[in-house]
Protein backbone atom coordinates (compact mmCIF):
# COMPACT_ATOMS: atom_id res chain seq x y z
CA MET A 1 -0.01 -0.02 0.08
CA PHE A 2 0.94 3.71 -0.18
CA ASP A 3 1.24 6.65 1.91
CA LEU A 4 -1.17 9.35 0.38
CA THR A 5 -0.02 12.09 3.04
CA ALA A 6 3.84 10.99 1.87
CA ILE A 7 3.43 11.53 -1.65
CA LEU A 8 1.28 14.73 -1.12
CA THR A 9 4.13 16.09 0.89
CA LYS A 10 6.57 15.51 -1.88
CA LEU A 11 4.45 16.94 -4.81
CA ASP A 12 4.31 20.12 -2.80
CA CYS A 13 8.01 20.08 -2.04
CA MET A 14 8.16 19.61 -5.78
CA GLN A 15 5.76 22.54 -6.68
CA ILE A 16 7.52 24.74 -4.36
CA HIS A 17 10.86 24.29 -5.74
CA VAL A 18 10.08 24.80 -9.52
CA PHE A 19 7.85 27.89 -8.70
CA THR A 20 11.32 29.16 -6.72
CA TRP A 21 13.54 28.05 -9.86
CA ARG A 22 11.07 29.75 -12.14
CA LYS A 23 10.19 32.69 -10.28
CA GLY A 24 12.67 33.34 -7.51
CA VAL A 25 15.94 35.03 -6.70
CA LEU A 26 17.94 34.29 -3.78
CA VAL A 27 18.28 36.83 -1.47
CA GLY A 28 20.40 35.41 1.03
CA THR A 29 20.61 32.32 3.54
CA ASP A 30 20.75 32.37 7.42
CA GLY A 31 23.12 30.52 9.82
CA THR A 32 20.68 27.49 10.12
CA GLY A 33 20.95 27.08 6.25
CA ASN A 34 17.45 28.24 5.48
CA ARG A 35 17.48 30.15 2.25
CA TYR A 36 15.52 33.49 1.46
CA TYR A 37 13.65 34.30 -1.76
CA LYS A 38 11.88 36.95 -3.45
CA THR A 39 10.07 37.19 -6.71
CA ARG A 40 12.05 38.49 -9.87
CA ARG A 41 9.39 40.58 -11.13
CA VAL A 42 6.78 42.73 -9.27
CA ARG A 43 3.05 42.63 -10.69
CA PRO A 44 1.97 46.63 -10.86
CA GLY A 45 -0.39 47.07 -8.02
CA TYR A 46 1.16 44.38 -5.75
CA ARG A 47 4.33 44.15 -3.67
CA GLU A 48 6.72 41.46 -4.15
CA ARG A 49 6.47 37.85 -2.59
CA ARG A 50 8.96 36.65 -0.10
CA TRP A 51 9.41 32.95 0.99
CA VAL A 52 11.86 31.02 2.77
CA LEU A 53 12.79 27.25 1.80
CA TYR A 54 13.56 25.61 5.29
CA ASN A 55 16.85 23.46 5.71
CA GLY A 56 15.24 20.18 7.15
CA GLU A 57 11.98 20.47 9.09
CA PHE A 58 9.23 22.91 7.94
CA GLU A 59 8.96 24.94 11.17
CA ALA A 60 8.37 28.73 11.47
CA THR A 61 10.10 29.31 14.42
CA LYS A 62 13.58 28.40 13.02
CA VAL A 63 13.30 31.97 11.42
CA PRO A 64 15.86 34.15 13.04
CA PRO A 65 14.18 37.74 13.89
CA GLU A 66 16.41 39.55 11.58
CA TRP A 67 14.64 37.35 8.37
CA TYR A 68 11.35 37.68 9.91
CA GLY A 69 11.04 41.08 9.65
CA TRP A 70 12.21 40.95 6.17
CA LEU A 71 9.79 38.16 5.28
CA HIS A 72 6.83 40.03 6.82
CA HIS A 73 7.71 43.25 5.08
CA LEU A 74 8.89 45.32 8.02
CA ASP A 75 12.21 45.98 6.75
CA ALA A 76 12.91 47.01 3.08
CA GLU A 77 16.41 44.85 3.03
CA PRO A 78 17.56 42.08 5.33
CA LEU A 79 19.69 42.68 7.94
CA THR A 80 23.29 41.61 8.11
CA GLU A 81 25.91 40.11 10.62
CA LYS A 82 26.99 43.97 10.53
CA SER A 83 23.88 45.15 11.30
CA SER A 84 22.88 47.37 14.37
CA THR A 85 20.86 44.39 16.07
CA ASN A 86 23.91 42.33 15.92
CA LYS A 87 25.39 42.92 19.83
CA PRO A 88 27.66 40.85 21.53
CA TRP A 89 25.18 40.18 24.54
CA LEU A 90 22.46 38.84 22.38
CA LYS A 91 21.77 35.20 22.33
CA PRO A 92 22.05 33.19 19.26
CA HIS A 93 18.43 32.42 17.70
CA GLU A 94 16.64 29.23 18.95
CA SER A 95 13.76 27.60 17.66
CA ASN A 96 10.83 26.55 19.54
CA LEU A 97 11.74 23.54 21.77
CA THR A 98 8.14 22.84 23.15
CA GLY A 99 6.98 19.44 22.78
CA THR A 100 10.79 18.10 22.26
CA ALA A 101 13.11 16.35 24.55
CA ALA A 102 15.07 19.74 25.03
CA ALA A 103 12.18 21.57 26.02
CA TYR A 104 12.66 23.40 29.52
CA ARG A 105 11.07 21.44 32.38
CA PRO A 106 10.75 23.24 35.91
CA PRO A 107 11.73 21.23 39.03
CA GLY A 108 8.87 18.86 40.00
CA HIS A 109 8.01 18.42 36.03
CA PRO A 110 6.41 14.84 36.11
CA LEU A 111 8.82 14.23 33.21
CA LYS A 112 11.67 15.21 35.77
CA GLY A 113 10.66 12.89 38.26
CA GLY A 114 7.55 14.33 39.59
CA GLN A 115 9.30 15.54 42.94
CA ARG A 116 10.14 18.67 44.12
CA PRO A 117 10.71 20.29 47.78
CA LYS A 118 8.07 21.40 50.01
CA VAL A 119 7.67 25.42 50.47
CA SER A 120 5.74 27.06 52.99
CA ALA A 121 3.36 28.78 50.29
CA ASP A 122 2.37 25.29 49.03
CA TYR A 123 -1.17 24.83 47.58
CA GLU A 124 -3.55 22.66 49.67
CA PRO A 125 -6.71 21.65 47.77
CA TRP A 126 -10.00 22.13 49.39
CA VAL A 127 -11.52 18.73 50.29
CA PRO A 128 -15.47 18.84 50.74
CA GLY A 129 -16.19 17.97 54.05
């Protein structure tokens, strides 16, 4: 038997790559290997289209802030490594880790043993009586 979802996903990827090949101009890449494109020609009365081809899994949180602003037409040009927002105290961009093994889990989380030390302000549930 065949997996219809897998076939449709492959067809979508092929369609996006053909569209990019025919109508796109590479603008740049980011540190994770995502490639950013814009249309070659802008139709009169419309603004240029901008899109990203992800390196690996399709996950919107993999787009760093400097490219997010460009993709959503907040910036006319993409920010570069020499931009004013590239400060030494900024942390490198990290995609959303929620739902993965690397997600943050506070002390007492069920996946970290579920036990935490008691504190004076702990919650006491109401018991009907």
